[in-house]
Amino acid sequence: MRKGATIGVVISLLAWLIPIVHPVSGSVGAFVGGYMGSKALEAPDPLKALGIGMTMGAVIAVATAGIIGIMVALFGFDTFWLIAAPIAGIWTAGLGMLGALVGSRSVSNET
């Protein structure tokens, strides 16, 4: 499950970092990351898919909170922006779980 979540987080981050297309690719990047992460598992199942999505959401939420915390400390940003961390985590977890569930279903249909 850790392998799938790592693949999902990397794909999600890459989708957000592409400069010109990130409004589109960042929105669905977590879904694609969850899908690919689930397909990378040896024996995907719905419980692992949920774990992949939850792990992806937690990693993104912690990373976002850290980055925003640094921005608040160094540049005096308003602490209101810290609310973006749980929102990003929930968004990523939801789409990551959905993508991982679809990915695990497609793998089980192939066998």
Protein backbone atom coordinates (compact mmCIF):
# COMPACT_ATOMS: atom_id res chain seq x y z
CA MET A 1 0.00 0.00 0.00
CA ARG A 2 2.90 2.36 0.73
CA LYS A 3 4.18 1.88 -2.83
CA GLY A 4 0.80 2.78 -4.30
CA ALA A 5 0.41 5.85 -2.09
CA THR A 6 3.91 7.05 -2.97
CA ILE A 7 3.18 6.73 -6.67
CA GLY A 8 -0.14 8.54 -6.16
CA VAL A 9 1.42 11.44 -4.25
CA VAL A 10 4.21 11.87 -6.81
CA ILE A 11 1.74 11.95 -9.69
CA SER A 12 -0.51 14.39 -7.81
CA LEU A 13 2.39 16.73 -7.10
CA LEU A 14 3.65 16.55 -10.67
CA ALA A 15 0.16 17.41 -11.91
CA TRP A 16 0.14 20.52 -9.71
CA LEU A 17 3.64 21.59 -10.69
CA ILE A 18 3.11 21.69 -14.46
CA PRO A 19 2.88 25.47 -14.89
CA ILE A 20 0.47 26.07 -17.75
CA VAL A 21 -1.99 23.20 -17.44
CA HIS A 22 -2.15 22.82 -13.64
CA PRO A 23 -5.68 24.25 -13.33
CA VAL A 24 -6.87 21.17 -15.25
CA SER A 25 -4.19 18.60 -14.44
CA GLY A 26 -4.02 19.54 -10.75
CA SER A 27 -7.74 19.06 -10.36
CA VAL A 28 -7.68 15.46 -11.56
CA GLY A 29 -4.09 14.65 -10.60
CA ALA A 30 -5.11 12.92 -7.37
CA PHE A 31 -7.55 10.69 -9.26
CA VAL A 32 -4.89 9.70 -11.78
CA GLY A 33 -2.37 9.22 -8.97
CA GLY A 34 -4.72 6.94 -7.05
CA TYR A 35 -5.54 5.00 -10.20
CA MET A 36 -1.89 4.45 -11.11
CA GLY A 37 -0.95 3.73 -7.52
CA SER A 38 -3.60 1.04 -7.27
CA LYS A 39 -2.54 -0.50 -10.57
CA ALA A 40 1.04 -0.73 -9.24
CA LEU A 41 0.01 -3.05 -6.40
CA GLU A 42 0.44 -6.80 -6.69
CA ALA A 43 -2.99 -7.59 -5.23
CA PRO A 44 -5.20 -4.48 -5.20
CA ASP A 45 -8.48 -4.58 -3.29
CA PRO A 46 -10.99 -1.95 -2.11
CA LEU A 47 -9.51 -1.77 1.41
CA LYS A 48 -6.05 -1.04 0.02
CA ALA A 49 -7.61 1.53 -2.30
CA LEU A 50 -9.09 3.36 0.66
CA GLY A 51 -5.74 3.23 2.41
CA ILE A 52 -3.98 4.65 -0.64
CA GLY A 53 -6.40 7.59 -0.81
CA MET A 54 -6.20 8.31 2.91
CA THR A 55 -2.41 8.18 2.88
CA MET A 56 -2.25 10.47 -0.15
CA GLY A 57 -4.57 12.96 1.58
CA ALA A 58 -2.55 12.91 4.80
CA VAL A 59 0.76 13.45 3.01
CA ILE A 60 -0.60 16.32 0.93
CA ALA A 61 -2.26 17.95 3.98
CA VAL A 62 0.95 17.79 6.04
CA ALA A 63 3.07 19.08 3.15
CA THR A 64 0.64 21.92 2.49
CA ALA A 65 0.52 22.86 6.18
CA GLY A 66 4.31 22.89 6.31
CA ILE A 67 4.68 25.07 3.24
CA ILE A 68 1.99 27.50 4.37
CA GLY A 69 3.45 27.53 7.89
CA ILE A 70 6.81 28.57 6.48
CA MET A 71 5.14 31.28 4.40
CA VAL A 72 3.33 32.58 7.50
CA ALA A 73 6.51 32.57 9.58
CA LEU A 74 8.84 34.08 7.00
CA PHE A 75 6.67 36.40 4.97
CA GLY A 76 3.88 37.29 7.37
CA PHE A 77 1.05 35.72 5.42
CA ASP A 78 -2.30 35.63 7.18
CA THR A 79 -2.82 32.44 9.20
CA PHE A 80 -6.20 32.13 7.48
CA TRP A 81 -4.37 30.35 4.65
CA LEU A 82 -3.67 27.39 6.94
CA ILE A 83 -7.24 26.27 6.23
CA ALA A 84 -6.01 25.31 2.75
CA ALA A 85 -4.09 22.35 4.22
CA PRO A 86 -7.10 20.27 5.33
CA ILE A 87 -9.01 21.27 2.20
CA ALA A 88 -6.14 20.06 0.00
CA GLY A 89 -5.93 16.87 2.06
CA ILE A 90 -9.64 16.13 1.80
CA TRP A 91 -9.65 16.86 -1.94
CA THR A 92 -6.65 14.61 -2.53
CA ALA A 93 -7.96 11.83 -0.28
CA GLY A 94 -11.36 11.82 -1.95
CA LEU A 95 -10.10 11.78 -5.52
CA GLY A 96 -7.23 9.44 -4.62
CA MET A 97 -9.63 6.92 -3.08
CA LEU A 98 -11.96 7.15 -6.06
CA GLY A 99 -9.09 6.67 -8.51
CA ALA A 100 -7.65 3.79 -6.48
CA LEU A 101 -11.05 2.09 -6.35
CA VAL A 102 -11.44 2.38 -10.12
CA GLY A 103 -7.88 1.15 -10.59
CA SER A 104 -8.38 -1.86 -8.32
CA ARG A 105 -11.61 -2.73 -10.15
CA SER A 106 -9.89 -2.56 -13.53
CA VAL A 107 -7.06 -4.82 -12.32
CA SER A 108 -9.54 -7.36 -10.94
CA ASN A 109 -11.43 -7.33 -14.27
CA GLU A 110 -8.22 -8.03 -16.18
CA THR A 111 -7.52 -11.25 -14.30
